Amino acid sequence: MVIKKKMIIIIIISLVSMLLLALRVSGNNEVETSPEEYLELQNAARADVGVPPLKWDVNIEKRARETADRLVQDCLNGEADQWVPPMYGVNAAWNMGDPHFTGIDAVKGWVADKHYYDYVTNSCIDGKDCDCYTQMVWRESSHVGCARACCKKGCTIVVCLYDPPGNFPDERPYLLHYYII
């Protein structure tokens, strides 16, 4: 009788564990990106322009999670600024219809926007947006926290918050020690 009770308890624990794992795999964290992965790509982009690496901040990550969760409540369409705590710089990437869109995908997109940034004019070229790139490499930003959230309608958002914020008018995101024209 004792063996049967132990076996039933083991089966129940196993089932609960599998259920919890299934919920984690199918929920917001299905393809969650680790802090190390977020930092690796962003810090490589920062190293390319000679600025110090970002450090992960769990408190900023918590704010990024709150921001991302709020943004996907109604699958808003890019109105991130209304939900962002004003003390942070923000990068947000939206994807409609791909539940496997990751933080890595978002950061790769921001890094790719480098070719739209013109250092000489300190502006984005060809009417393109490069603000996420310049925030990511902003020389004075030292800490970051990122999060990903999904809504039932198929919208995925990745939010990274930066402290201190960047993208101030008429300021360059970084200074080149040399520039050849």
C-alpha atoms as a PDB file:
ATOM      1  CA  MET A   1       0.000   0.000   0.000  1.00  0.00           C
ATOM      2  CA  VAL A   2       2.868   2.405   0.846  1.00  0.00           C
ATOM      3  CA  ILE A   3       4.498   1.648  -2.503  1.00  0.00           C
ATOM      4  CA  LYS A   4       1.266   2.463  -4.357  1.00  0.00           C
ATOM      5  CA  LYS A   5       0.952   5.803  -2.521  1.00  0.00           C
ATOM      6  CA  LYS A   6       4.556   6.672  -3.335  1.00  0.00           C
ATOM      7  CA  MET A   7       4.020   5.693  -6.957  1.00  0.00           C
ATOM      8  CA  ILE A   8       0.865   7.821  -7.178  1.00  0.00           C
ATOM      9  CA  ILE A   9       2.690  10.779  -5.637  1.00  0.00           C
ATOM     10  CA  ILE A  10       5.563  10.367  -8.106  1.00  0.00           C
ATOM     11  CA  ILE A  11       3.113  10.192 -11.016  1.00  0.00           C
ATOM     12  CA  ILE A  12       1.270  13.306  -9.806  1.00  0.00           C
ATOM     13  CA  ILE A  13       4.534  15.213  -9.356  1.00  0.00           C
ATOM     14  CA  SER A  14       5.645  14.103 -12.822  1.00  0.00           C
ATOM     15  CA  LEU A  15       2.361  15.200 -14.402  1.00  0.00           C
ATOM     16  CA  VAL A  16       2.444  18.569 -12.657  1.00  0.00           C
ATOM     17  CA  SER A  17       6.056  19.068 -13.754  1.00  0.00           C
ATOM     18  CA  MET A  18       5.189  18.229 -17.351  1.00  0.00           C
ATOM     19  CA  LEU A  19       2.199  20.573 -17.239  1.00  0.00           C
ATOM     20  CA  LEU A  20       4.321  23.420 -15.904  1.00  0.00           C
ATOM     21  CA  LEU A  21       6.943  22.762 -18.551  1.00  0.00           C
ATOM     22  CA  ALA A  22       4.272  22.727 -21.260  1.00  0.00           C
ATOM     23  CA  LEU A  23       2.882  26.035 -20.044  1.00  0.00           C
ATOM     24  CA  ARG A  24       6.360  27.577 -20.083  1.00  0.00           C
ATOM     25  CA  VAL A  25       7.055  26.306 -23.586  1.00  0.00           C
ATOM     26  CA  SER A  26       3.750  27.545 -25.003  1.00  0.00           C
ATOM     27  CA  GLY A  27       3.587  30.887 -23.195  1.00  0.00           C
ATOM     28  CA  ASN A  28       5.397  34.199 -23.379  1.00  0.00           C
ATOM     29  CA  ASN A  29       8.740  32.555 -22.771  1.00  0.00           C
ATOM     30  CA  GLU A  30       8.494  30.054 -25.609  1.00  0.00           C
ATOM     31  CA  VAL A  31      11.583  31.457 -27.268  1.00  0.00           C
ATOM     32  CA  GLU A  32      12.871  33.756 -24.562  1.00  0.00           C
ATOM     33  CA  THR A  33      16.302  35.227 -25.073  1.00  0.00           C
ATOM     34  CA  SER A  34      18.740  35.108 -22.172  1.00  0.00           C
ATOM     35  CA  PRO A  35      20.386  38.249 -20.776  1.00  0.00           C
ATOM     36  CA  GLU A  36      23.724  36.946 -22.063  1.00  0.00           C
ATOM     37  CA  GLU A  37      22.333  36.676 -25.598  1.00  0.00           C
ATOM     38  CA  TYR A  38      20.913  40.200 -25.511  1.00  0.00           C
ATOM     39  CA  LEU A  39      24.215  41.534 -24.192  1.00  0.00           C
ATOM     40  CA  GLU A  40      26.410  39.631 -26.645  1.00  0.00           C
ATOM     41  CA  LEU A  41      24.866  41.159 -29.768  1.00  0.00           C
ATOM     42  CA  GLN A  42      24.429  44.645 -28.368  1.00  0.00           C
ATOM     43  CA  ASN A  43      27.914  44.775 -26.883  1.00  0.00           C
ATOM     44  CA  ALA A  44      29.439  43.593 -30.155  1.00  0.00           C
ATOM     45  CA  ALA A  45      27.743  46.536 -31.899  1.00  0.00           C
ATOM     46  CA  ARG A  46      28.977  48.869 -29.173  1.00  0.00           C
ATOM     47  CA  ALA A  47      32.532  47.524 -29.433  1.00  0.00           C
ATOM     48  CA  ASP A  48      32.454  48.218 -33.189  1.00  0.00           C
ATOM     49  CA  VAL A  49      32.131  51.939 -32.445  1.00  0.00           C
ATOM     50  CA  GLY A  50      34.373  52.021 -29.385  1.00  0.00           C
ATOM     51  CA  VAL A  51      31.870  52.416 -26.548  1.00  0.00           C
ATOM     52  CA  PRO A  52      31.910  50.420 -23.295  1.00  0.00           C
ATOM     53  CA  PRO A  53      29.725  47.340 -22.968  1.00  0.00           C
ATOM     54  CA  LEU A  54      26.272  47.401 -21.451  1.00  0.00           C
ATOM     55  CA  LYS A  55      25.579  45.615 -18.182  1.00  0.00           C
ATOM     56  CA  TRP A  56      22.366  43.722 -17.470  1.00  0.00           C
ATOM     57  CA  ASP A  57      20.111  45.180 -14.797  1.00  0.00           C
ATOM     58  CA  VAL A  58      17.351  42.981 -13.365  1.00  0.00           C
ATOM     59  CA  ASN A  59      15.335  45.999 -12.201  1.00  0.00           C
ATOM     60  CA  ILE A  60      15.369  47.457 -15.698  1.00  0.00           C
ATOM     61  CA  GLU A  61      14.485  44.006 -17.050  1.00  0.00           C
ATOM     62  CA  LYS A  62      11.454  44.008 -14.742  1.00  0.00           C
ATOM     63  CA  ARG A  63      10.373  47.410 -16.118  1.00  0.00           C
ATOM     64  CA  ALA A  64      10.929  46.139 -19.669  1.00  0.00           C
ATOM     65  CA  ARG A  65       8.742  43.109 -18.885  1.00  0.00           C
ATOM     66  CA  GLU A  66       5.993  45.364 -17.485  1.00  0.00           C
ATOM     67  CA  THR A  67       6.240  47.584 -20.554  1.00  0.00           C
ATOM     68  CA  ALA A  68       6.139  44.687 -23.019  1.00  0.00           C
ATOM     69  CA  ASP A  69       3.227  43.060 -21.207  1.00  0.00           C
ATOM     70  CA  ARG A  70       1.271  46.310 -21.281  1.00  0.00           C
ATOM     71  CA  LEU A  71       1.976  46.868 -24.953  1.00  0.00           C
ATOM     72  CA  VAL A  72       0.615  43.500 -26.025  1.00  0.00           C
ATOM     73  CA  GLN A  73      -2.546  43.718 -23.936  1.00  0.00           C
ATOM     74  CA  ASP A  74      -4.334  45.072 -26.997  1.00  0.00           C
ATOM     75  CA  CYS A  75      -1.612  44.368 -29.544  1.00  0.00           C
ATOM     76  CA  LEU A  76      -0.895  48.056 -29.914  1.00  0.00           C
ATOM     77  CA  ASN A  77       0.719  49.179 -33.141  1.00  0.00           C
ATOM     78  CA  GLY A  78       4.043  50.726 -32.251  1.00  0.00           C
ATOM     79  CA  GLU A  79       2.905  53.235 -29.632  1.00  0.00           C
ATOM     80  CA  ALA A  80       5.642  52.216 -27.190  1.00  0.00           C
ATOM     81  CA  ASP A  81       6.441  55.722 -25.966  1.00  0.00           C
ATOM     82  CA  GLN A  82       3.166  56.079 -24.092  1.00  0.00           C
ATOM     83  CA  TRP A  83       4.047  53.103 -21.877  1.00  0.00           C
ATOM     84  CA  VAL A  84       7.761  53.600 -21.382  1.00  0.00           C
ATOM     85  CA  PRO A  85       9.034  54.860 -18.047  1.00  0.00           C
ATOM     86  CA  PRO A  86      10.462  58.310 -18.881  1.00  0.00           C
ATOM     87  CA  MET A  87      13.807  57.678 -17.207  1.00  0.00           C
ATOM     88  CA  TYR A  88      14.826  55.072 -19.823  1.00  0.00           C
ATOM     89  CA  GLY A  89      15.742  55.003 -23.458  1.00  0.00           C
ATOM     90  CA  VAL A  90      13.675  52.434 -25.343  1.00  0.00           C
ATOM     91  CA  ASN A  91      14.002  50.095 -28.272  1.00  0.00           C
ATOM     92  CA  ALA A  92      10.920  48.160 -29.296  1.00  0.00           C
ATOM     93  CA  ALA A  93      10.510  45.640 -32.091  1.00  0.00           C
ATOM     94  CA  TRP A  94       7.087  44.434 -33.195  1.00  0.00           C
ATOM     95  CA  ASN A  95       6.287  41.324 -35.166  1.00  0.00           C
ATOM     96  CA  MET A  96       2.817  40.347 -36.259  1.00  0.00           C
ATOM     97  CA  GLY A  97       2.165  36.687 -36.910  1.00  0.00           C
ATOM     98  CA  ASP A  98       5.449  35.036 -35.912  1.00  0.00           C
ATOM     99  CA  PRO A  99       5.262  33.646 -32.386  1.00  0.00           C
ATOM    100  CA  HIS A 100       8.882  32.546 -32.712  1.00  0.00           C
ATOM    101  CA  PHE A 101      10.198  36.113 -33.086  1.00  0.00           C
ATOM    102  CA  THR A 102      12.949  36.392 -30.464  1.00  0.00           C
ATOM    103  CA  GLY A 103      14.995  39.011 -28.694  1.00  0.00           C
ATOM    104  CA  ILE A 104      17.892  37.965 -30.917  1.00  0.00           C
ATOM    105  CA  ASP A 105      15.773  38.755 -34.000  1.00  0.00           C
ATOM    106  CA  ALA A 106      14.951  42.183 -32.591  1.00  0.00           C
ATOM    107  CA  VAL A 107      18.556  43.040 -31.722  1.00  0.00           C
ATOM    108  CA  LYS A 108      19.777  41.831 -35.133  1.00  0.00           C
ATOM    109  CA  GLY A 109      17.299  44.243 -36.714  1.00  0.00           C
ATOM    110  CA  TRP A 110      18.558  47.131 -34.614  1.00  0.00           C
ATOM    111  CA  VAL A 111      22.173  46.268 -35.449  1.00  0.00           C
ATOM    112  CA  ALA A 112      21.290  46.082 -39.161  1.00  0.00           C
ATOM    113  CA  ASP A 113      19.985  49.654 -38.994  1.00  0.00           C
ATOM    114  CA  LYS A 114      23.596  50.795 -38.578  1.00  0.00           C
ATOM    115  CA  HIS A 115      23.863  51.230 -42.332  1.00  0.00           C
ATOM    116  CA  TYR A 116      21.120  53.876 -42.153  1.00  0.00           C
ATOM    117  CA  TYR A 117      23.091  56.008 -39.711  1.00  0.00           C
ATOM    118  CA  ASP A 118      25.343  58.688 -41.236  1.00  0.00           C
ATOM    119  CA  TYR A 119      27.988  59.747 -38.734  1.00  0.00           C
ATOM    120  CA  VAL A 120      28.948  62.890 -40.716  1.00  0.00           C
ATOM    121  CA  THR A 121      25.436  64.350 -40.631  1.00  0.00           C
ATOM    122  CA  ASN A 122      24.505  62.588 -37.369  1.00  0.00           C
ATOM    123  CA  SER A 123      21.210  61.534 -38.914  1.00  0.00           C
ATOM    124  CA  CYS A 124      19.386  58.645 -40.522  1.00  0.00           C
ATOM    125  CA  ILE A 125      19.650  58.459 -44.311  1.00  0.00           C
ATOM    126  CA  ASP A 126      17.088  57.783 -47.015  1.00  0.00           C
ATOM    127  CA  GLY A 127      14.183  58.536 -44.696  1.00  0.00           C
ATOM    128  CA  LYS A 128      14.945  55.355 -42.771  1.00  0.00           C
ATOM    129  CA  ASP A 129      14.736  54.916 -39.027  1.00  0.00           C
ATOM    130  CA  CYS A 130      17.992  54.297 -37.175  1.00  0.00           C
ATOM    131  CA  ASP A 131      16.987  55.474 -33.697  1.00  0.00           C
ATOM    132  CA  CYS A 132      17.048  51.943 -32.251  1.00  0.00           C
ATOM    133  CA  TYR A 133      20.614  51.517 -33.487  1.00  0.00           C
ATOM    134  CA  THR A 134      21.767  54.850 -32.057  1.00  0.00           C
ATOM    135  CA  GLN A 135      20.089  54.149 -28.702  1.00  0.00           C
ATOM    136  CA  MET A 136      21.748  50.741 -28.560  1.00  0.00           C
ATOM    137  CA  VAL A 137      25.227  52.236 -29.091  1.00  0.00           C
ATOM    138  CA  TRP A 138      24.639  55.442 -27.108  1.00  0.00           C
ATOM    139  CA  ARG A 139      27.972  55.967 -25.343  1.00  0.00           C
ATOM    140  CA  GLU A 140      26.505  57.063 -22.016  1.00  0.00           C
ATOM    141  CA  SER A 141      23.975  54.235 -21.716  1.00  0.00           C
ATOM    142  CA  SER A 142      25.526  51.712 -19.369  1.00  0.00           C
ATOM    143  CA  HIS A 143      22.717  49.367 -18.295  1.00  0.00           C
ATOM    144  CA  VAL A 144      19.996  47.508 -20.138  1.00  0.00           C
ATOM    145  CA  GLY A 145      17.092  45.203 -19.447  1.00  0.00           C
ATOM    146  CA  CYS A 146      14.998  43.493 -22.100  1.00  0.00           C
ATOM    147  CA  ALA A 147      11.846  41.409 -22.302  1.00  0.00           C
ATOM    148  CA  ARG A 148       9.575  39.739 -24.825  1.00  0.00           C
ATOM    149  CA  ALA A 149       5.797  39.361 -24.752  1.00  0.00           C
ATOM    150  CA  CYS A 150       3.140  37.881 -27.027  1.00  0.00           C
ATOM    151  CA  CYS A 151      -0.568  38.436 -27.397  1.00  0.00           C
ATOM    152  CA  LYS A 152      -3.255  35.995 -28.454  1.00  0.00           C
ATOM    153  CA  LYS A 153      -3.672  37.770 -31.792  1.00  0.00           C
ATOM    154  CA  GLY A 154      -0.162  36.806 -32.876  1.00  0.00           C
ATOM    155  CA  CYS A 155       1.676  39.999 -31.991  1.00  0.00           C
ATOM    156  CA  THR A 156       5.141  39.654 -30.461  1.00  0.00           C
ATOM    157  CA  ILE A 157       7.062  42.576 -29.005  1.00  0.00           C
ATOM    158  CA  VAL A 158      10.600  42.832 -27.719  1.00  0.00           C
ATOM    159  CA  VAL A 159      11.438  45.801 -25.506  1.00  0.00           C
ATOM    160  CA  CYS A 160      14.872  46.878 -24.292  1.00  0.00           C
ATOM    161  CA  LEU A 161      15.197  49.759 -21.849  1.00  0.00           C
ATOM    162  CA  TYR A 162      18.476  51.668 -21.481  1.00  0.00           C
ATOM    163  CA  ASP A 163      19.842  53.648 -18.562  1.00  0.00           C
ATOM    164  CA  PRO A 164      20.708  56.408 -18.901  1.00  0.00           C
ATOM    165  CA  PRO A 165      18.663  57.151 -22.027  1.00  0.00           C
ATOM    166  CA  GLY A 166      20.151  58.381 -25.272  1.00  0.00           C
ATOM    167  CA  ASN A 167      19.092  59.869 -28.601  1.00  0.00           C
ATOM    168  CA  PHE A 168      19.289  63.491 -27.533  1.00  0.00           C
ATOM    169  CA  PRO A 169      18.937  66.037 -30.364  1.00  0.00           C
ATOM    170  CA  ASP A 170      22.196  67.369 -31.765  1.00  0.00           C
ATOM    171  CA  GLU A 171      24.278  64.848 -29.784  1.00  0.00           C
ATOM    172  CA  ARG A 172      26.167  61.998 -31.381  1.00  0.00           C
ATOM    173  CA  PRO A 173      25.624  58.472 -30.053  1.00  0.00           C
ATOM    174  CA  TYR A 174      29.382  57.910 -29.960  1.00  0.00           C
ATOM    175  CA  LEU A 175      32.527  59.797 -30.830  1.00  0.00           C
ATOM    176  CA  LEU A 176      34.968  58.475 -33.349  1.00  0.00           C
ATOM    177  CA  HIS A 177      38.556  59.162 -32.384  1.00  0.00           C
ATOM    178  CA  TYR A 178      39.289  59.618 -36.037  1.00  0.00           C
ATOM    179  CA  TYR A 179      37.147  60.144 -39.051  1.00  0.00           C
ATOM    180  CA  ILE A 180      38.409  60.119 -42.609  1.00  0.00           C
ATOM    181  CA  ILE A 181      36.320  62.022 -45.132  1.00  0.00           C
END
